[in-house]
């Protein structure tokens, strides 16, 4: 007969049992012998045992127990191990650079060993190489493969250029990995953008976002329709499983209900895609803005005259309509201490510098002076209509006088009041800054904006509610903040400051946002 009781070790509840009939590979016994747990060892991170028992999976603080049995790890020879799998643009360029930066900061020796063309092991040891401390496995493939590896138990962290799919969320829950959309389970590592590129020989320098969608859907087939030569357009994209290719479909084709034609040229790498476009005078591709190669990036424009290019500032503020975050997805599982230290390092200022040097856009908040907002205010004046009178523009300028715009911008899922994944990560980032006192004695104003669809008064009311929702989300996330030391308010100007044309779903999505201004 089984006897079950609960005891607490280091704030963890453990179960104890009497006789255990089934053969198990480890037994954990409390120091005083009063609690005993038998089960199959699932993992040991240098501090905690993860054990499968008849009561389910338990996490046990190793400092409070003795381990007996053939499955017990060597505590002195423990080497932390964790693995990342997914998007090649992250696995081949960004993450290796960050691992190197982490090793330098920690004063560790780094050695790399290529297991196969897609997998590399990064070995971290003491500076004198006397003791191996960690092995980080990095598999570079695509976002689909990254989630598949996670679900198969072959990866601890997913590197993805797209958001997790509904079916992947469900499978992760069923596998005991938690909710991959929950707070703390998804993190934005860096920012990138989907950049349309052509050959340097191609005279076309800009394209409207709806036109880009029509090109990719095979509805515009000649460069002559875009003011270029009388020649057929050839399309170049990444392979189908790549997150970049899926992001192109999600962000550009899905809003118009379009589909890619069958004769799209597919490429295994971003570098290969860029090289193919440069060699094809009549080709067009959509690639990572960080990997354009010798091809030419063309701007996105619209009928209202706004023009945006995938440049650092427009990507960082998400004003560029095809900004693309680089995601890390983390299951509800404890990493070894060195793995947790690595994740903490990724948020640090030195790591953000590595991100910039690798060619991506970092997430360090920047304060943009009001005198650097000239083009935005000029666009606001040009786009103002009967429903946005001069008095409203004057009210907006008066509010922003003496303030700076924070580069952190919040946007929402299509057709929803829910913040998108990137913005949810921004909430946590801003909350941490407030908790650490970064904005003490200052004022933060959450400012809501809308698209121009519908009555201006209703749009301003919607924008106000969104600004207040983001403000409250940040307050809730900043659990240890002293809000007596920072003044936080919400304001809205609706459609008064458009960033893009309202003639497309992409433009309207860009215009629906919440900015943060600082005094």
Protein backbone atom coordinates (compact mmCIF):
# COMPACT_ATOMS: atom_id res chain seq x y z
CA UNK A 1 0.00 0.00 0.00
CA UNK A 2 1.36 3.46 -0.90
CA UNK A 3 1.60 6.20 1.67
CA UNK A 4 1.78 9.78 0.28
CA UNK A 5 2.95 12.80 2.22
CA UNK A 6 4.27 16.25 1.33
CA UNK A 7 7.42 17.94 2.60
CA UNK A 8 9.06 21.15 1.62
CA UNK A 9 12.65 21.49 0.44
CA UNK A 10 13.77 24.96 -0.67
CA UNK A 11 10.15 25.99 -1.26
CA UNK A 12 9.46 22.92 -3.46
CA UNK A 13 6.83 20.38 -2.49
CA UNK A 14 8.05 16.79 -2.66
CA UNK A 15 6.16 13.54 -2.33
CA UNK A 16 7.29 10.60 -0.23
CA UNK A 17 6.21 7.00 -0.56
CA UNK A 18 6.42 3.71 1.26
CA UNK A 19 7.23 0.50 -0.61
CA UNK A 20 7.70 0.93 -4.37
CA UNK A 21 7.16 -2.24 -6.35
CA UNK A 22 8.33 -1.10 -9.81
CA UNK A 23 12.10 -0.97 -10.57
CA UNK A 24 13.36 2.60 -10.77
CA UNK A 25 16.76 3.99 -11.68
CA UNK A 26 17.25 6.58 -8.91
CA UNK A 27 16.11 7.10 -5.36
CA UNK A 28 16.29 10.52 -3.73
CA UNK A 29 16.32 10.56 0.07
CA UNK A 30 16.11 13.63 2.29
CA UNK A 31 19.08 14.29 4.59
CA UNK A 32 17.12 13.15 7.66
CA UNK A 33 15.76 10.07 5.87
CA UNK A 34 12.11 11.05 6.33
CA UNK A 35 11.29 11.52 2.63
CA UNK A 36 12.09 9.15 -0.21
CA UNK A 37 11.32 9.52 -3.91
CA UNK A 38 11.97 6.82 -6.50
CA UNK A 39 11.68 7.31 -10.22
CA UNK A 40 13.32 7.67 -13.59
CA UNK A 41 15.81 10.50 -13.93
CA UNK A 42 14.75 12.87 -16.70
CA UNK A 43 17.46 15.45 -16.17
CA UNK A 44 19.84 17.13 -13.77
CA UNK A 45 20.88 20.77 -14.23
CA UNK A 46 23.60 20.93 -11.60
CA UNK A 47 21.12 22.09 -8.96
CA UNK A 48 17.80 20.28 -9.45
CA UNK A 49 16.79 16.72 -10.32
CA UNK A 50 13.88 16.23 -12.72
CA UNK A 51 12.29 12.84 -12.00
CA UNK A 52 9.38 10.91 -13.53
CA UNK A 53 7.47 9.18 -10.70
CA UNK A 54 4.13 7.48 -10.30
CA UNK A 55 2.85 10.89 -9.18
CA UNK A 56 4.03 12.57 -12.36
CA UNK A 57 7.11 14.67 -13.11
CA UNK A 58 8.71 16.24 -10.03
CA UNK A 59 11.51 18.80 -9.69
CA UNK A 60 13.65 18.27 -6.60
CA UNK A 61 16.30 20.54 -5.09
CA UNK A 62 19.52 18.53 -5.13
CA UNK A 63 20.93 20.33 -2.08
CA UNK A 64 18.34 18.68 0.16
CA UNK A 65 18.63 15.04 -0.91
CA UNK A 66 21.05 12.15 -1.41
CA UNK A 67 20.89 10.25 -4.70
CA UNK A 68 21.26 6.48 -4.96
CA UNK A 69 20.93 4.18 -7.94
CA UNK A 70 22.47 3.58 -11.38
CA UNK A 71 20.92 6.73 -12.83
CA UNK A 72 22.54 9.13 -10.36
CA UNK A 73 24.74 11.73 -12.09
CA UNK A 74 28.26 12.60 -10.97
CA UNK A 75 27.86 15.89 -9.12
CA UNK A 76 31.52 16.87 -9.43
CA UNK A 77 31.82 16.03 -13.14
CA UNK A 78 28.52 17.66 -14.10
CA UNK A 79 28.57 19.45 -17.48
CA UNK A 80 25.60 21.69 -18.32
CA UNK A 81 24.00 20.77 -21.62
CA UNK A 82 21.25 22.47 -23.58
CA UNK A 83 20.37 22.80 -27.24
CA UNK A 84 18.91 25.30 -29.69
CA UNK A 85 17.36 24.44 -33.02
CA UNK A 86 15.67 26.36 -35.81
CA UNK A 87 16.16 29.25 -38.21
CA UNK A 88 19.50 29.22 -40.00
CA UNK A 89 19.87 33.00 -40.07
CA UNK A 90 19.91 32.85 -36.26
CA UNK A 91 21.85 29.62 -35.91
CA UNK A 92 24.59 30.46 -38.40
CA UNK A 93 25.20 34.12 -37.60
CA UNK A 94 23.54 35.64 -34.55
CA UNK A 95 23.51 32.95 -31.86
CA UNK A 96 27.16 31.87 -32.40
CA UNK A 97 28.20 35.52 -32.04
CA UNK A 98 26.19 35.78 -28.80
CA UNK A 99 27.69 32.56 -27.41
CA UNK A 100 31.15 33.97 -28.11
CA UNK A 101 30.22 37.24 -26.42
CA UNK A 102 28.88 35.35 -23.39
CA UNK A 103 32.10 33.31 -23.10
CA UNK A 104 34.22 36.47 -23.23
CA UNK A 105 32.13 38.20 -20.57
CA UNK A 106 32.27 35.17 -18.25
CA UNK A 107 36.02 34.65 -18.80
CA UNK A 108 35.51 31.18 -20.27
CA UNK A 109 37.38 29.31 -22.98
CA UNK A 110 35.25 28.51 -26.04
CA UNK A 111 35.85 25.61 -28.40
CA UNK A 112 33.58 24.71 -31.33
CA UNK A 113 33.14 21.28 -32.87
CA UNK A 114 31.11 20.71 -36.04
CA UNK A 115 29.12 17.49 -35.73
CA UNK A 116 27.56 17.69 -39.19
CA UNK A 117 26.87 20.49 -41.71
CA UNK A 118 23.81 21.60 -39.72
CA UNK A 119 24.92 21.03 -36.13
CA UNK A 120 27.72 22.58 -34.07
CA UNK A 121 28.67 21.97 -30.46
CA UNK A 122 30.00 24.93 -28.48
CA UNK A 123 32.10 23.74 -25.54
CA UNK A 124 32.64 26.16 -22.65
CA UNK A 125 35.38 25.43 -20.13
CA UNK A 126 37.44 27.23 -17.53
CA UNK A 127 40.01 29.65 -18.91
CA UNK A 128 42.83 27.17 -18.22
CA UNK A 129 40.81 24.45 -20.03
CA UNK A 130 41.07 22.26 -16.92
CA UNK A 131 37.33 21.68 -16.51
CA UNK A 132 34.57 21.48 -19.07
CA UNK A 133 31.52 23.43 -17.89
CA UNK A 134 28.93 23.32 -20.66
CA UNK A 135 28.07 22.00 -24.09
CA UNK A 136 25.65 24.03 -26.20
CA UNK A 137 24.28 22.20 -29.23
CA UNK A 138 23.18 24.45 -32.09
CA UNK A 139 21.26 23.05 -35.05
CA UNK A 140 20.68 25.40 -37.99
CA UNK A 141 17.80 24.41 -40.25
CA UNK A 142 14.48 26.27 -40.32
CA UNK A 143 11.66 27.28 -38.01
CA UNK A 144 9.56 24.18 -38.79
CA UNK A 145 12.43 21.88 -37.87
CA UNK A 146 13.09 23.85 -34.69
CA UNK A 147 9.56 23.29 -33.36
CA UNK A 148 9.67 19.64 -34.48
CA UNK A 149 12.91 19.12 -32.54
CA UNK A 150 11.38 20.73 -29.45
CA UNK A 151 8.31 18.48 -29.60
CA UNK A 152 10.53 15.43 -30.13
CA UNK A 153 12.61 16.27 -27.06
CA UNK A 154 15.70 17.00 -29.17
CA UNK A 155 15.89 20.75 -28.45
CA UNK A 156 15.44 22.99 -25.41
CA UNK A 157 15.03 26.30 -27.26
CA UNK A 158 13.51 27.08 -30.66
CA UNK A 159 14.97 29.76 -32.92
CA UNK A 160 12.17 31.02 -35.15
CA UNK A 161 11.53 33.73 -37.73
CA UNK A 162 7.77 33.33 -37.29
CA UNK A 163 5.30 33.02 -34.48
CA UNK A 164 4.38 29.59 -33.19
CA UNK A 165 1.40 27.98 -34.96
CA UNK A 166 -1.80 26.95 -33.16
CA UNK A 167 -1.17 23.23 -33.74
CA UNK A 168 2.36 23.56 -32.35
CA UNK A 169 1.00 25.25 -29.22
CA UNK A 170 -1.45 22.38 -28.75
CA UNK A 171 1.18 19.68 -29.31
CA UNK A 172 3.51 21.40 -26.85
CA UNK A 173 0.79 21.41 -24.19
CA UNK A 174 0.13 17.73 -24.78
CA UNK A 175 3.85 17.00 -24.46
CA UNK A 176 4.00 18.75 -21.09
CA UNK A 177 6.00 21.72 -22.38
CA UNK A 178 3.54 24.35 -21.19
CA UNK A 179 1.91 27.16 -23.15
CA UNK A 180 4.44 28.48 -25.68
CA UNK A 181 2.47 31.73 -25.92
CA UNK A 182 2.49 32.38 -22.16
CA UNK A 183 4.50 35.12 -20.50
CA UNK A 184 8.16 34.14 -20.29
CA UNK A 185 7.85 31.37 -22.88
CA UNK A 186 8.58 33.56 -25.91
CA UNK A 187 11.35 36.10 -26.19
CA UNK A 188 12.39 38.44 -29.00
CA UNK A 189 16.14 38.02 -29.47
CA UNK A 190 16.60 40.76 -32.07
CA UNK A 191 14.74 42.60 -34.81
CA UNK A 192 15.00 42.06 -38.53
CA UNK A 193 12.86 43.00 -41.52
CA UNK A 194 11.52 41.43 -44.70
CA UNK A 195 13.35 43.38 -47.38
CA UNK A 196 12.39 43.24 -51.08
CA UNK A 197 15.56 43.07 -53.17
CA UNK A 198 16.41 43.29 -56.88
CA UNK A 199 19.57 43.27 -58.98
CA UNK A 200 21.70 46.40 -59.08
CA UNK A 201 20.92 46.47 -62.82
CA UNK A 202 17.19 46.80 -62.18
CA UNK A 203 16.06 50.47 -62.42
CA UNK A 204 13.02 49.99 -60.13
CA UNK A 205 13.75 51.54 -56.73
CA UNK A 206 10.41 51.33 -54.93
CA UNK A 207 7.21 49.33 -54.92
CA UNK A 208 3.90 49.73 -53.11
CA UNK A 209 3.24 47.04 -50.52
CA UNK A 210 0.02 45.91 -52.29
CA UNK A 211 2.03 45.66 -55.52
CA UNK A 212 4.64 43.51 -53.78
CA UNK A 213 1.85 41.17 -52.70
CA UNK A 214 0.50 41.04 -56.25
CA UNK A 215 3.98 40.24 -57.58
CA UNK A 216 4.42 37.37 -55.13
CA UNK A 217 0.92 36.08 -55.93
CA UNK A 218 1.70 36.07 -59.67
CA UNK A 219 -0.84 38.80 -60.43
CA UNK A 220 1.79 41.31 -61.62
CA UNK A 221 4.14 39.48 -63.97
CA UNK A 222 6.03 42.21 -65.88
CA UNK A 223 8.42 44.90 -64.69
CA UNK A 224 6.78 47.26 -67.14
CA UNK A 225 3.76 47.47 -64.82
CA UNK A 226 6.12 48.94 -62.19
CA UNK A 227 7.85 51.44 -64.45
CA UNK A 228 10.68 49.07 -65.33
CA UNK A 229 11.71 47.20 -68.49
CA UNK A 230 9.35 45.10 -70.59
CA UNK A 231 10.53 41.83 -69.04
CA UNK A 232 8.95 39.02 -67.00
CA UNK A 233 9.38 39.05 -63.23
CA UNK A 234 11.04 36.02 -61.63
CA UNK A 235 10.49 35.38 -57.91
CA UNK A 236 13.10 34.12 -55.44
CA UNK A 237 12.29 32.95 -51.89
CA UNK A 238 13.67 30.67 -49.21
CA UNK A 239 12.72 27.00 -49.06
CA UNK A 240 9.18 26.23 -47.90
CA UNK A 241 10.01 25.18 -44.33
CA UNK A 242 12.06 28.30 -43.65
CA UNK A 243 10.55 30.78 -41.23
CA UNK A 244 11.47 33.62 -43.57
CA UNK A 245 9.42 32.11 -46.40
CA UNK A 246 6.52 31.47 -44.03
CA UNK A 247 6.72 35.04 -42.73
CA UNK A 248 6.48 36.29 -46.31
CA UNK A 249 3.26 34.33 -46.77
CA UNK A 250 1.85 35.38 -43.38
CA UNK A 251 2.73 39.05 -43.63
CA UNK A 252 2.37 39.81 -47.33
CA UNK A 253 0.16 37.23 -49.08
CA UNK A 254 -2.36 36.21 -46.43
CA UNK A 255 -3.85 39.74 -46.05
CA UNK A 256 -4.87 39.67 -49.74
CA UNK A 257 -5.80 35.99 -49.80
CA UNK A 258 -3.01 35.32 -52.29
CA UNK A 259 -0.87 32.24 -52.88
CA UNK A 260 2.58 31.75 -54.35
CA UNK A 261 2.79 30.50 -57.94
CA UNK A 262 4.36 27.09 -58.55
CA UNK A 263 7.44 28.36 -60.38
CA UNK A 264 8.95 30.34 -57.48
CA UNK A 265 12.71 29.89 -57.24
CA UNK A 266 13.56 28.34 -53.88
CA UNK A 267 16.87 28.69 -52.03
CA UNK A 268 18.36 26.80 -49.09
CA UNK A 269 20.05 29.82 -47.52
CA UNK A 270 19.55 33.57 -47.25
CA UNK A 271 22.99 34.15 -48.75
CA UNK A 272 22.09 31.95 -51.71
CA UNK A 273 18.81 33.81 -52.20
CA UNK A 274 20.52 37.22 -52.24
CA UNK A 275 23.20 35.99 -54.66
CA UNK A 276 20.58 34.55 -57.03
CA UNK A 277 18.68 37.85 -57.13
CA UNK A 278 21.87 39.83 -57.80
CA UNK A 279 22.63 37.53 -60.76
CA UNK A 280 19.08 37.80 -62.13
CA UNK A 281 18.41 41.25 -63.72
CA UNK A 282 14.67 40.50 -63.80
CA UNK A 283 14.41 38.81 -60.41
CA UNK A 284 12.90 39.95 -57.12
CA UNK A 285 13.26 38.34 -53.73
CA UNK A 286 12.24 38.96 -50.14
CA UNK A 287 15.01 38.28 -47.65
CA UNK A 288 16.37 39.25 -44.27
CA UNK A 289 17.41 42.89 -44.23
CA UNK A 290 20.60 41.72 -42.51
CA UNK A 291 21.57 39.49 -45.46
CA UNK A 292 21.12 41.47 -48.67
CA UNK A 293 24.56 40.80 -50.10
CA UNK A 294 25.28 42.71 -53.31
CA UNK A 295 21.60 42.99 -54.24
CA UNK A 296 19.68 46.28 -54.03
CA UNK A 297 17.02 46.90 -51.41
CA UNK A 298 13.95 48.70 -52.73
CA UNK A 299 11.65 50.91 -50.66
CA UNK A 300 8.00 50.35 -49.83
CA UNK A 301 5.68 53.16 -50.83
CA UNK A 302 1.99 53.91 -51.21
CA UNK A 303 -0.50 56.08 -53.07
CA UNK A 304 -0.37 58.72 -50.32
CA UNK A 305 3.32 59.31 -50.94
CA UNK A 306 4.84 57.78 -47.76
CA UNK A 307 8.06 55.86 -48.43
CA UNK A 308 9.77 53.53 -45.96
CA UNK A 309 12.99 51.53 -46.24
CA UNK A 310 14.21 48.68 -44.06
CA UNK A 311 16.69 50.84 -42.14
CA UNK A 312 17.72 50.45 -38.52
CA UNK A 313 15.59 53.27 -37.08
CA UNK A 314 12.40 52.34 -38.94
CA UNK A 315 12.86 48.66 -38.05
CA UNK A 316 13.56 49.40 -34.38
CA UNK A 317 10.44 51.53 -34.00
CA UNK A 318 8.48 49.04 -36.18
CA UNK A 319 7.44 51.91 -38.43
CA UNK A 320 8.65 49.82 -41.37
CA UNK A 321 5.57 47.72 -42.22
CA UNK A 322 7.44 44.42 -42.69
CA UNK A 323 9.52 44.38 -39.53
CA UNK A 324 10.28 40.80 -38.46
CA UNK A 325 11.28 39.79 -34.92
CA UNK A 326 13.67 36.89 -34.30
CA UNK A 327 12.02 34.69 -31.66
CA UNK A 328 13.28 32.31 -29.03
CA UNK A 329 10.62 29.89 -27.73
CA UNK A 330 11.29 28.34 -24.33
CA UNK A 331 9.30 25.38 -22.95
CA UNK A 332 8.16 25.22 -19.35
CA UNK A 333 11.35 23.46 -18.36
CA UNK A 334 14.25 24.50 -16.16
CA UNK A 335 17.55 24.99 -17.98
CA UNK A 336 20.92 24.38 -16.27
CA UNK A 337 22.22 27.39 -14.36
CA UNK A 338 24.72 28.26 -17.09
CA UNK A 339 21.86 28.13 -19.61
CA UNK A 340 19.82 30.52 -17.47
CA UNK A 341 22.86 32.78 -17.20
CA UNK A 342 23.15 32.76 -20.99
CA UNK A 343 19.48 33.76 -21.39
CA UNK A 344 19.97 36.57 -18.87
CA UNK A 345 23.04 37.75 -20.82
CA UNK A 346 20.93 38.03 -24.00
CA UNK A 347 19.05 40.95 -22.45
CA UNK A 348 22.20 42.83 -21.44
CA UNK A 349 23.71 45.90 -23.11
CA UNK A 350 26.83 43.96 -24.24
CA UNK A 351 24.60 41.39 -25.95
CA UNK A 352 22.65 44.12 -27.73
CA UNK A 353 25.95 45.45 -29.06
CA UNK A 354 26.73 41.98 -30.43
CA UNK A 355 23.31 41.96 -32.11
CA UNK A 356 24.13 45.24 -33.88
CA UNK A 357 27.56 44.06 -34.95
CA UNK A 358 26.00 40.92 -36.42
CA UNK A 359 23.91 43.11 -38.72
CA UNK A 360 20.58 42.88 -36.91
CA UNK A 361 18.60 45.53 -35.03
CA UNK A 362 19.02 45.48 -31.26
CA UNK A 363 16.27 46.15 -28.74
CA UNK A 364 18.03 48.61 -26.45
CA UNK A 365 15.49 51.42 -25.94
CA UNK A 366 16.59 54.68 -27.52
CA UNK A 367 15.17 58.14 -26.96
CA UNK A 368 14.50 59.96 -30.24
CA UNK A 369 14.44 63.78 -29.85
CA UNK A 370 11.41 65.66 -31.08
CA UNK A 371 13.54 67.57 -33.59
CA UNK A 372 14.27 64.24 -35.26
CA UNK A 373 10.54 63.73 -35.87
CA UNK A 374 10.28 66.30 -38.63
CA UNK A 375 9.36 63.94 -41.47
CA UNK A 376 6.67 62.29 -39.34
CA UNK A 377 5.08 65.61 -38.45
CA UNK A 378 5.33 66.74 -42.08
CA UNK A 379 3.48 63.57 -43.12
CA UNK A 380 0.86 64.27 -40.46
CA UNK A 381 0.23 67.73 -41.86
CA UNK A 382 0.11 66.41 -45.43
CA UNK A 383 -2.34 63.64 -44.52
CA UNK A 384 -4.59 65.76 -42.30
CA UNK A 385 -8.16 66.05 -43.49
CA UNK A 386 -11.41 67.53 -42.32
CA UNK A 387 -11.55 65.19 -39.30
CA UNK A 388 -8.04 66.06 -38.11
CA UNK A 389 -8.14 69.85 -37.72
CA UNK A 390 -5.18 72.12 -37.11
CA UNK A 391 -6.16 72.37 -33.45
CA UNK A 392 -5.66 68.61 -32.99
CA UNK A 393 -2.22 68.75 -34.60
CA UNK A 394 -1.33 71.69 -32.35
CA UNK A 395 -2.53 69.75 -29.29
CA UNK A 396 -0.30 66.84 -30.31
CA UNK A 397 2.78 69.03 -30.83
CA UNK A 398 2.10 70.79 -27.53
CA UNK A 399 1.91 67.45 -25.70
CA UNK A 400 5.19 66.24 -27.18
CA UNK A 401 7.03 69.52 -26.61
CA UNK A 402 10.13 68.88 -24.50
CA UNK A 403 9.73 65.10 -24.78
CA UNK A 404 11.52 62.30 -26.59
CA UNK A 405 10.01 59.28 -28.30
CA UNK A 406 11.11 55.90 -26.97
CA UNK A 407 12.02 53.48 -29.77
CA UNK A 408 9.85 50.82 -28.10
CA UNK A 409 6.50 50.66 -29.95
CA UNK A 410 3.52 48.41 -29.26
CA UNK A 411 1.29 46.89 -31.92
CA UNK A 412 -1.60 44.45 -31.97
CA UNK A 413 -2.52 41.19 -33.63
CA UNK A 414 -4.59 41.62 -36.78
CA UNK A 415 -8.25 42.18 -35.91
CA UNK A 416 -7.56 41.93 -32.19
CA UNK A 417 -6.95 44.06 -29.10
CA UNK A 418 -4.27 41.55 -28.03
CA UNK A 419 -0.66 42.69 -28.30
CA UNK A 420 1.41 40.78 -30.84
CA UNK A 421 4.28 38.56 -29.66
CA UNK A 422 6.93 41.21 -30.17
CA UNK A 423 4.96 43.79 -28.21
CA UNK A 424 4.37 41.34 -25.34
CA UNK A 425 8.14 40.99 -25.14
CA UNK A 426 8.42 44.81 -25.17
CA UNK A 427 6.05 44.97 -22.17
CA UNK A 428 8.40 42.76 -20.14
CA UNK A 429 11.44 44.72 -21.29
CA UNK A 430 9.96 48.09 -20.35
CA UNK A 431 8.65 46.70 -17.06
CA UNK A 432 12.16 45.54 -16.11
CA UNK A 433 13.54 48.99 -16.92
CA UNK A 434 10.93 50.63 -14.68
CA UNK A 435 11.66 48.11 -11.90
CA UNK A 436 15.38 48.94 -12.01
CA UNK A 437 14.64 52.66 -11.70
CA UNK A 438 15.70 53.58 -15.24
CA UNK A 439 12.85 56.13 -15.45
CA UNK A 440 12.76 57.33 -11.86
CA UNK A 441 11.77 61.04 -11.54
CA UNK A 442 10.67 61.04 -15.19
CA UNK A 443 7.33 60.89 -17.01
CA UNK A 444 6.26 58.12 -19.37
CA UNK A 445 3.31 58.85 -21.65
CA UNK A 446 1.69 55.93 -23.53
CA UNK A 447 0.24 57.49 -26.70
CA UNK A 448 -2.32 55.67 -28.82
CA UNK A 449 -2.70 56.07 -32.58
CA UNK A 450 -5.11 54.52 -35.07
CA UNK A 451 -5.63 54.11 -38.78
CA UNK A 452 -7.91 56.49 -40.66
CA UNK A 453 -10.79 54.06 -41.24
CA UNK A 454 -14.02 55.29 -39.67
CA UNK A 455 -14.87 58.46 -37.73
CA UNK A 456 -11.94 60.32 -36.17
CA UNK A 457 -13.67 60.59 -32.78
CA UNK A 458 -14.22 56.83 -32.55
CA UNK A 459 -10.65 56.17 -33.66
CA UNK A 460 -9.30 58.43 -30.95
CA UNK A 461 -11.40 56.64 -28.32
CA UNK A 462 -10.12 53.24 -29.50
CA UNK A 463 -6.55 54.53 -29.46
CA UNK A 464 -7.04 55.83 -25.90
CA UNK A 465 -8.27 52.42 -24.72
CA UNK A 466 -5.29 50.70 -26.34
CA UNK A 467 -2.84 53.13 -24.75
CA UNK A 468 -4.40 52.52 -21.33
CA UNK A 469 -4.33 48.73 -21.89
CA UNK A 470 -0.61 48.78 -22.70
CA UNK A 471 0.08 51.03 -19.73
CA UNK A 472 -1.76 48.68 -17.36
CA UNK A 473 -0.01 45.62 -18.87
CA UNK A 474 3.33 47.24 -18.12
CA UNK A 475 2.24 48.13 -14.59
CA UNK A 476 1.17 44.53 -13.95
CA UNK A 477 4.45 43.16 -15.30
CA UNK A 478 6.56 45.56 -13.20
CA UNK A 479 5.72 43.81 -9.94
CA UNK A 480 8.56 45.28 -7.87
CA UNK A 481 8.51 48.82 -9.32
CA UNK A 482 8.10 51.89 -7.15
CA UNK A 483 5.48 53.82 -9.11
CA UNK A 484 5.74 56.73 -6.73
CA UNK A 485 9.04 57.60 -8.43
CA UNK A 486 7.78 57.66 -12.02
CA UNK A 487 4.75 59.40 -13.47
CA UNK A 488 2.85 57.28 -16.00
CA UNK A 489 -0.11 58.52 -18.06
CA UNK A 490 -1.98 57.64 -21.25
CA UNK A 491 -2.98 59.89 -24.15
CA UNK A 492 -4.37 59.39 -27.66
CA UNK A 493 -4.35 61.23 -30.98
CA UNK A 494 -6.12 58.64 -33.13
CA UNK A 495 -5.37 59.06 -36.82
CA UNK A 496 -3.45 62.33 -36.44
CA UNK A 497 0.06 60.86 -37.01
CA UNK A 498 -0.01 58.18 -39.74
CA UNK A 499 3.17 56.23 -40.49
CA UNK A 500 1.94 54.66 -43.73
CA UNK A 501 -0.86 54.87 -46.25
CA UNK A 502 -4.28 53.60 -45.18
CA UNK A 503 -4.87 52.15 -48.65
CA UNK A 504 -3.62 48.68 -47.61
CA UNK A 505 -3.97 46.28 -44.68
CA UNK A 506 -0.23 46.68 -44.02
CA UNK A 507 -0.43 50.45 -43.81
CA UNK A 508 -3.42 50.35 -41.47
CA UNK A 509 -1.62 47.79 -39.27
CA UNK A 510 1.42 50.06 -38.98
CA UNK A 511 -0.75 53.04 -38.07
CA UNK A 512 -2.50 51.18 -35.24
CA UNK A 513 0.08 51.47 -32.49
CA UNK A 514 0.97 52.74 -29.02
CA UNK A 515 4.14 54.81 -28.69
CA UNK A 516 5.95 55.77 -25.48
CA UNK A 517 7.16 59.33 -24.99
CA UNK A 518 9.51 60.33 -22.19
CA UNK A 519 10.07 63.59 -20.33
